Amino acid sequence: MLKRLSFALAVLFCIFHCWTAMFGAAAGIGQKAIHLGLVLIIFFLDYLAQEDRKWYCRVMDAFFILASAGSLIYIMSIDKTIDLRSGMIYTYDILFGVLLIITLIEATRRAVGKSLAIVVICFIVYGFMGQHMPGFLAHVGMDITRITSVVYLGTDGIYGTAIYASASYIVLFVILGAVFNETGVGDYFTKLASRAFGKFRGGPAKIAVVASGLFGSISGSAIANVIGTGTFTIPMMKKCGFEDEYAAAVEASASTGGQIMPPVMGATAFLIAEYLGIPYFDLVKAALIPAVLFYVAILMTVDLYARKNNIKGVPESELPTWKELVKNVYLILPLIYLIVSMSVFKMSVTKSGITSIIATIVCTLFSARNRITPAKLKKIVKASINGAKPVAIACGVVGIIIGIVMGSGLGFRMSSVLIQVSNGHLGILLVLTMVVSLILGMGVPTTAAYLMLALLVVPALKQMNVLPLAAHLFIFYFGIISNVTPPVALAAYAAAGVARCNPTKTGVFAFKLSLSGFILPFMFVYNPVLLMQGGALEILQSLITALLGIYSLSAALEKFVFKWNINQAERLVLLASALLLIIPGTITDLIGFAVLLGIFLIKTAEEKKGNYAKA
């Protein structure tokens, strides 16, 4: 009975969001409140429906269901009068505000993890105890009335920008991803990558990189991507000779990068566009070159590893045929439509999302294998609500943090402190921002990490005249890269679980493979041309030198360049070449290229003399 009720509410959830996407969002706070309220009710209802739950756990589940429903009904009932109150707070405001805050924290603990829940509790304590805090952390303090006003009723709190993005954009692409999976679109990406790259040297790893990039852009979760594509690619890599940990690391790195790969870029990209106040497609266009460079870097490193270790491609007999791919080419049309609708027809993200769902259904209607059946529709509903739960809960609970930060003025003071510590030096400020981003991103969903960082550190970057787009993408990258940064490299550990290998060693390999992800943000901050902010010739020069720099870096990491092993001295020279090519400027580019060319000429001369170590 409870499971049926949960599923019925999930169906209502999907219908509500598809309907409002087509015909307009619910007025006032309605869209956001219904979105979060339904997610919380379904979330705790699923726990209550578990038959093996102890009685006291079921009592708590029932309490949180009632609290979620009560806070939803109450906020909907006062929605039209909030702006007319002149700041007055009533007892019921405090009651339902506190209930929602407690419910969100518990949902976060279960759905996202203890780390984010603890962070939120710390911020609430900070709000209450501000007058007792030292230095720049000090503020006048916030009582329960003030916290309720800001967090529950205010536009910067739970029902602020974060939950708006989740309710308006993100949920549609979660549904689209579920539709893609059940109609075979996601599987087609993997087959296309297999056919295109499988037969080449180190083919299985290249399949993993390309397939994970395509699939991960839509899934929006590094761990979900690892599980989704890794169960296919990791065994294939191991079979062809890749070390277990290396195979897992390739999948983890490529899956993590899916969130920076256009056109969807996971969930956080919608928030970035919302914060910057720019069309979503403008963000996608700006993010294209760095994303391509990230994946090219992994492909280069994998290719060098495969050549060094003499790893062949996948046998032709095990690859899908071009005939099969051409026969099912219609499966890629929905993705093409999604891109064209935003870039050519200039549709809003909401309209592009909902019409892409419709386009996918229409494209697969005449295929018995891929059309949506009642059984598939049930899976789509379940996958949609399961995908929406952690994102909506994270966005809701981060609203508490945003409310406290805005209400206490911490965001403004943090920016001043960062600038003082960096002594006004942009390089030091960027390193500090990187460290803070990695720490806050460890074990925390990218969406939550980005929102906290956008409040705390982006203002400091803007004060140092960093392009706003570059500033937001800088923290976005490092929030994502934390998924493969030890000690809390969640994507790497998930991949190690699939590969059944050492998670620590996998984390180290994944960190090395993703090293370009640590360098690229610095590159586009110092050289915004990489974000399409310049003329065609400038962009072309920056792209070519960035590719050469990334190749030098990959070669140094693998201790292997072109077709030769290298010694430690040559490795250091390649690192210097990479640095010179990465630093913007024609002179440094020419010197870096000359160094790389010099290495090539030296190794060629050694080969002719017979004094070389060739793979």
Foldseek 3Di string as FASTA:
>chain_A
DLVVVLLVLLVVLVVQLLVCLVVNADPFLLLLLSNLLSLLLSLLSVVLPDPPDDPVSNVVSVLLNCLSVVLSVVCVVCRVPLVVPVLDDDPVLLVSLVSVLVSLLVLCCVQQHDVLSVVLVVLVVLQACQCVDDDLSHFPHDDSSLLSCLAVVNQLHLSHLQSCLLSQFQLLLLLVLLLLVQLCLLVLQLQVLCVVQQQFQLRLLSSLLRSLLVSLLRLQDLLVSCVVCVLPRLVVSVVQPDDLLLSLLSNSLSNLLNLLQDDRNHRQLSSLCVVVVHASVLLNLLSHLLSVLLSLLLVLLSNQLRLVVVGGGDDPVPHDDVVVSVVLVLSCVLVVQLNCCCPPVVDHSSNSSSVSSVSNQVSSVPPPRRHDDPVSVSSSSVSSSSSSNNSSSLSSSLSSSSSSCVSRVSQVSLLVVLCVVQVLDLVSSLVVLLVQLLVLLQSGRLNSSLSVSVRRRLVNVVVSVFDSSLSSVSSSLSSSCSCLAPPRNVSLQSSCVSSVHDSVSSSVSSCLSSVSSVLSSVLCRQPVVSSVPDDPVSVVLLSVLQSQLSSLSSCLSNCHHDFFHHDPVLSVLSPQLSVLSSRDDPVSSVVSVVSVVVVVVVQVVCVVVVNGGGD
